[in-house]
């Protein structure tokens, strides 16, 4: 039996968004600004409706801490 995991699906979408929106060369870190990442993640999570707001906020806070160590940029490995 296969279980659909909304968080895993969202993270897969975020990985694709990073790869599409990055200015890094092909095969690079696929960095995007935290502000962009946060906007897209919050939007997609709100559409999904399966992830509680508190989890969204906690996840983004952790990502922000990582991004702050990389000049405000989110890397795919952060999530």
C-alpha atoms as a PDB file:
ATOM      1  CA  UNK A   1       0.000   0.000   0.000  1.00  0.00           C
ATOM      2  CA  UNK A   2       1.353   3.388  -0.972  1.00  0.00           C
ATOM      3  CA  UNK A   3       0.704   6.356   1.294  1.00  0.00           C
ATOM      4  CA  UNK A   4       0.748   9.854  -0.158  1.00  0.00           C
ATOM      5  CA  UNK A   5       2.862  12.120   1.996  1.00  0.00           C
ATOM      6  CA  UNK A   6       1.960  15.810   1.549  1.00  0.00           C
ATOM      7  CA  UNK A   7       5.226  17.031   3.062  1.00  0.00           C
ATOM      8  CA  UNK A   8       7.353  14.831   0.800  1.00  0.00           C
ATOM      9  CA  UNK A   9       5.378  15.999  -2.227  1.00  0.00           C
ATOM     10  CA  UNK A  10       5.832  19.627  -1.184  1.00  0.00           C
ATOM     11  CA  UNK A  11       9.580  19.183  -0.687  1.00  0.00           C
ATOM     12  CA  UNK A  12       9.859  17.572  -4.109  1.00  0.00           C
ATOM     13  CA  UNK A  13       8.082  20.599  -5.588  1.00  0.00           C
ATOM     14  CA  UNK A  14      10.431  22.922  -3.705  1.00  0.00           C
ATOM     15  CA  UNK A  15      13.467  21.073  -5.066  1.00  0.00           C
ATOM     16  CA  UNK A  16      12.146  21.572  -8.588  1.00  0.00           C
ATOM     17  CA  UNK A  17      11.450  25.260  -7.870  1.00  0.00           C
ATOM     18  CA  UNK A  18      15.039  25.730  -6.661  1.00  0.00           C
ATOM     19  CA  UNK A  19      16.408  24.029  -9.763  1.00  0.00           C
ATOM     20  CA  UNK A  20      14.243  26.186 -12.039  1.00  0.00           C
ATOM     21  CA  UNK A  21      14.776  29.535 -10.291  1.00  0.00           C
ATOM     22  CA  UNK A  22      18.470  29.314  -9.398  1.00  0.00           C
ATOM     23  CA  UNK A  23      21.105  31.382 -11.102  1.00  0.00           C
ATOM     24  CA  UNK A  24      23.687  28.708 -10.312  1.00  0.00           C
ATOM     25  CA  UNK A  25      25.134  26.796 -13.268  1.00  0.00           C
ATOM     26  CA  UNK A  26      23.694  23.406 -14.195  1.00  0.00           C
ATOM     27  CA  UNK A  27      24.676  20.856 -11.553  1.00  0.00           C
ATOM     28  CA  UNK A  28      25.376  23.590  -8.993  1.00  0.00           C
ATOM     29  CA  UNK A  29      23.877  24.036  -5.529  1.00  0.00           C
ATOM     30  CA  UNK A  30      20.557  25.388  -6.937  1.00  0.00           C
ATOM     31  CA  UNK A  31      20.484  28.242  -4.418  1.00  0.00           C
ATOM     32  CA  UNK A  32      17.574  30.672  -4.222  1.00  0.00           C
ATOM     33  CA  UNK A  33      16.951  33.582  -1.831  1.00  0.00           C
ATOM     34  CA  UNK A  34      15.158  32.669   1.409  1.00  0.00           C
ATOM     35  CA  UNK A  35      12.461  35.251   0.665  1.00  0.00           C
ATOM     36  CA  UNK A  36      11.633  33.479  -2.613  1.00  0.00           C
ATOM     37  CA  UNK A  37      11.779  30.021  -1.016  1.00  0.00           C
ATOM     38  CA  UNK A  38       9.563  31.115   1.873  1.00  0.00           C
ATOM     39  CA  UNK A  39       6.967  32.675  -0.446  1.00  0.00           C
ATOM     40  CA  UNK A  40       6.699  29.593  -2.671  1.00  0.00           C
ATOM     41  CA  UNK A  41       6.738  27.118   0.232  1.00  0.00           C
ATOM     42  CA  UNK A  42       4.044  29.020   2.141  1.00  0.00           C
ATOM     43  CA  UNK A  43       1.895  29.327  -0.967  1.00  0.00           C
ATOM     44  CA  UNK A  44       2.124  25.648  -1.898  1.00  0.00           C
ATOM     45  CA  UNK A  45       1.587  24.513   1.698  1.00  0.00           C
ATOM     46  CA  UNK A  46      -1.531  26.677   2.004  1.00  0.00           C
ATOM     47  CA  UNK A  47      -2.967  25.234  -1.210  1.00  0.00           C
ATOM     48  CA  UNK A  48      -2.256  21.700   0.025  1.00  0.00           C
ATOM     49  CA  UNK A  49      -4.048  22.337   3.316  1.00  0.00           C
ATOM     50  CA  UNK A  50      -2.646  19.155   4.924  1.00  0.00           C
ATOM     51  CA  UNK A  51       0.265  20.759   6.785  1.00  0.00           C
ATOM     52  CA  UNK A  52      -0.547  22.691   9.978  1.00  0.00           C
ATOM     53  CA  UNK A  53       0.501  26.358  10.076  1.00  0.00           C
ATOM     54  CA  UNK A  54       2.724  25.679  13.098  1.00  0.00           C
ATOM     55  CA  UNK A  55       4.682  23.067  11.121  1.00  0.00           C
ATOM     56  CA  UNK A  56       5.048  25.445   8.179  1.00  0.00           C
ATOM     57  CA  UNK A  57       6.398  28.185  10.451  1.00  0.00           C
ATOM     58  CA  UNK A  58       8.776  25.823  12.278  1.00  0.00           C
ATOM     59  CA  UNK A  59      10.110  24.420   8.993  1.00  0.00           C
ATOM     60  CA  UNK A  60      10.702  27.894   7.551  1.00  0.00           C
ATOM     61  CA  UNK A  61      12.429  29.048  10.742  1.00  0.00           C
ATOM     62  CA  UNK A  62      14.885  26.134  10.454  1.00  0.00           C
ATOM     63  CA  UNK A  63      15.481  26.871   6.781  1.00  0.00           C
ATOM     64  CA  UNK A  64      16.042  30.552   7.579  1.00  0.00           C
ATOM     65  CA  UNK A  65      18.729  29.649  10.135  1.00  0.00           C
ATOM     66  CA  UNK A  66      20.529  27.594   7.473  1.00  0.00           C
ATOM     67  CA  UNK A  67      20.097  30.301   4.831  1.00  0.00           C
ATOM     68  CA  UNK A  68      21.548  32.934   7.154  1.00  0.00           C
ATOM     69  CA  UNK A  69      24.783  30.913   7.183  1.00  0.00           C
ATOM     70  CA  UNK A  70      24.858  31.112   3.359  1.00  0.00           C
ATOM     71  CA  UNK A  71      24.261  34.818   2.739  1.00  0.00           C
ATOM     72  CA  UNK A  72      20.465  34.435   2.823  1.00  0.00           C
ATOM     73  CA  UNK A  73      20.408  31.682   0.213  1.00  0.00           C
ATOM     74  CA  UNK A  74      18.555  28.365   0.546  1.00  0.00           C
ATOM     75  CA  UNK A  75      20.315  25.284  -0.781  1.00  0.00           C
ATOM     76  CA  UNK A  76      18.472  22.055  -1.621  1.00  0.00           C
ATOM     77  CA  UNK A  77      20.519  20.223   1.000  1.00  0.00           C
ATOM     78  CA  UNK A  78      18.937  22.444   3.672  1.00  0.00           C
ATOM     79  CA  UNK A  79      15.716  20.502   3.341  1.00  0.00           C
END
